[in-house]
Amino acid sequence: MTTEPAELEPQDELGVLLVYLAEQGYAEQVGSWVSDSVTNVPLTGAQLLAALPDEALSEVAAELGLPVEEYAEQLAQELPSLVDGLTPQGELPTDDDFEDFLWEFLIDDTEAPKS
């Protein structure tokens, strides 16, 4: 008897990603994004590529029509501020709070002037 894996909520997927990055040696970076008492420590696209399995970034990059390296750089630039904004009390938000923040983050990001 086989069962399908349970579908994760987006905030759970983010939590899994953060734990995975911490386990891959980026605990300082992840911790800084979650904490409100320290400045966000950056992560590079190359570090994301090294830490994550190949298919983790290549599928989304292909869907967006981007080279995986470019997508990894963009994600590395956005991830710290996304996590920082989602975790003002040091923990991931509830379903509704997560969805509200994500929409606000995406709207603010698309309205920001590109340099």
Protein backbone atom coordinates (compact mmCIF):
# COMPACT_ATOMS: atom_id res chain seq x y z
CA MET A 1 0.00 0.00 0.00
CA THR A 2 1.45 3.34 -1.02
CA THR A 3 0.29 6.71 0.11
CA GLU A 4 0.92 10.07 -1.44
CA PRO A 5 3.10 12.41 0.62
CA ALA A 6 1.12 15.08 2.38
CA GLU A 7 1.00 18.40 0.55
CA LEU A 8 2.98 21.01 2.47
CA GLU A 9 1.64 24.50 3.05
CA PRO A 10 3.87 27.27 1.61
CA GLN A 11 5.09 28.38 5.04
CA ASP A 12 5.97 24.75 5.84
CA GLU A 13 7.94 24.52 2.59
CA LEU A 14 9.80 27.69 3.55
CA GLY A 15 10.50 26.22 6.98
CA VAL A 16 11.88 23.05 5.38
CA LEU A 17 14.08 25.18 3.09
CA LEU A 18 15.44 27.20 6.02
CA VAL A 19 16.23 24.10 8.06
CA TYR A 20 17.87 22.49 5.04
CA LEU A 21 20.04 25.56 4.37
CA ALA A 22 21.05 25.67 8.03
CA GLU A 23 22.00 21.98 7.90
CA GLN A 24 24.09 22.64 4.78
CA GLY A 25 26.29 25.09 6.67
CA TYR A 26 24.31 28.32 6.33
CA ALA A 27 22.88 28.48 9.86
CA GLU A 28 24.46 31.92 10.44
CA GLN A 29 22.69 33.35 7.40
CA VAL A 30 19.34 31.71 8.15
CA GLY A 31 19.54 32.71 11.80
CA SER A 32 20.19 36.32 10.89
CA TRP A 33 17.14 36.43 8.61
CA VAL A 34 14.86 35.09 11.34
CA SER A 35 16.33 37.18 14.17
CA ASP A 36 15.29 40.78 14.67
CA SER A 37 18.43 41.61 16.66
CA VAL A 38 21.09 41.19 13.95
CA THR A 39 21.65 42.41 10.41
CA ASN A 40 20.78 39.95 7.64
CA VAL A 41 23.83 37.99 6.52
CA PRO A 42 23.71 37.57 2.73
CA LEU A 43 23.80 34.34 0.78
CA THR A 44 25.01 34.21 -2.83
CA GLY A 45 23.46 32.45 -5.76
CA ALA A 46 26.54 30.22 -5.95
CA GLN A 47 26.01 29.23 -2.30
CA LEU A 48 22.37 28.37 -2.99
CA LEU A 49 23.40 26.29 -6.00
CA ALA A 50 25.96 24.45 -3.88
CA ALA A 51 23.56 23.86 -0.99
CA LEU A 52 20.43 22.75 -2.81
CA PRO A 53 19.87 19.69 -4.99
CA ASP A 54 20.14 20.50 -8.71
CA GLU A 55 16.45 19.98 -9.41
CA ALA A 56 15.39 22.30 -6.58
CA LEU A 57 16.29 25.40 -8.59
CA SER A 58 16.40 24.13 -12.17
CA GLU A 59 12.67 23.35 -12.39
CA VAL A 60 11.59 26.84 -11.32
CA ALA A 61 14.30 28.52 -13.39
CA ALA A 62 13.10 26.63 -16.47
CA GLU A 63 9.49 27.63 -15.78
CA LEU A 64 10.61 31.27 -15.59
CA GLY A 65 12.77 30.96 -18.69
CA LEU A 66 15.92 31.89 -16.77
CA PRO A 67 19.33 30.26 -16.56
CA VAL A 68 19.55 28.49 -13.20
CA GLU A 69 22.49 30.67 -12.13
CA GLU A 70 20.49 33.86 -12.73
CA TYR A 71 17.49 32.49 -10.84
CA ALA A 72 19.75 31.44 -7.93
CA GLU A 73 21.18 34.99 -7.76
CA GLN A 74 17.72 36.54 -7.77
CA LEU A 75 16.51 34.14 -5.08
CA ALA A 76 19.62 34.79 -2.98
CA GLN A 77 18.91 38.54 -3.15
CA GLU A 78 15.23 38.21 -2.21
CA LEU A 79 15.30 35.38 0.33
CA PRO A 80 16.84 37.29 3.28
CA SER A 81 14.33 40.16 3.13
CA LEU A 82 11.42 37.78 2.55
CA VAL A 83 12.31 35.64 5.56
CA ASP A 84 13.14 38.70 7.66
CA GLY A 85 9.75 40.23 6.92
CA LEU A 86 7.90 36.97 7.56
CA THR A 87 9.49 36.34 10.95
CA PRO A 88 9.28 39.53 13.04
CA GLN A 89 8.88 37.47 16.22
CA GLY A 90 11.41 34.82 15.18
CA GLU A 91 8.96 32.23 13.89
CA LEU A 92 7.09 31.55 10.68
CA PRO A 93 3.56 32.97 10.51
CA THR A 94 0.21 31.21 10.31
CA ASP A 95 -1.37 30.33 6.96
CA ASP A 96 -3.34 33.58 6.58
CA ASP A 97 -0.52 35.84 7.78
CA PHE A 98 1.91 34.08 5.44
CA GLU A 99 -0.32 34.53 2.42
CA ASP A 100 -1.03 38.19 3.24
CA PHE A 101 2.66 39.00 3.67
CA LEU A 102 3.65 37.13 0.53
CA TRP A 103 1.17 39.10 -1.59
CA GLU A 104 2.38 42.38 -0.06
CA PHE A 105 6.00 41.38 -0.67
CA LEU A 106 5.32 40.44 -4.29
CA ILE A 107 3.33 43.62 -4.98
CA ASP A 108 6.03 45.83 -3.39
CA ASP A 109 8.72 44.01 -5.38
CA THR A 110 6.96 44.44 -8.72
CA GLU A 111 6.28 48.12 -8.07
CA ALA A 112 9.85 48.91 -7.05
CA PRO A 113 11.83 50.69 -9.76
CA LYS A 114 14.47 48.49 -11.36
CA SER A 115 17.97 49.90 -11.46
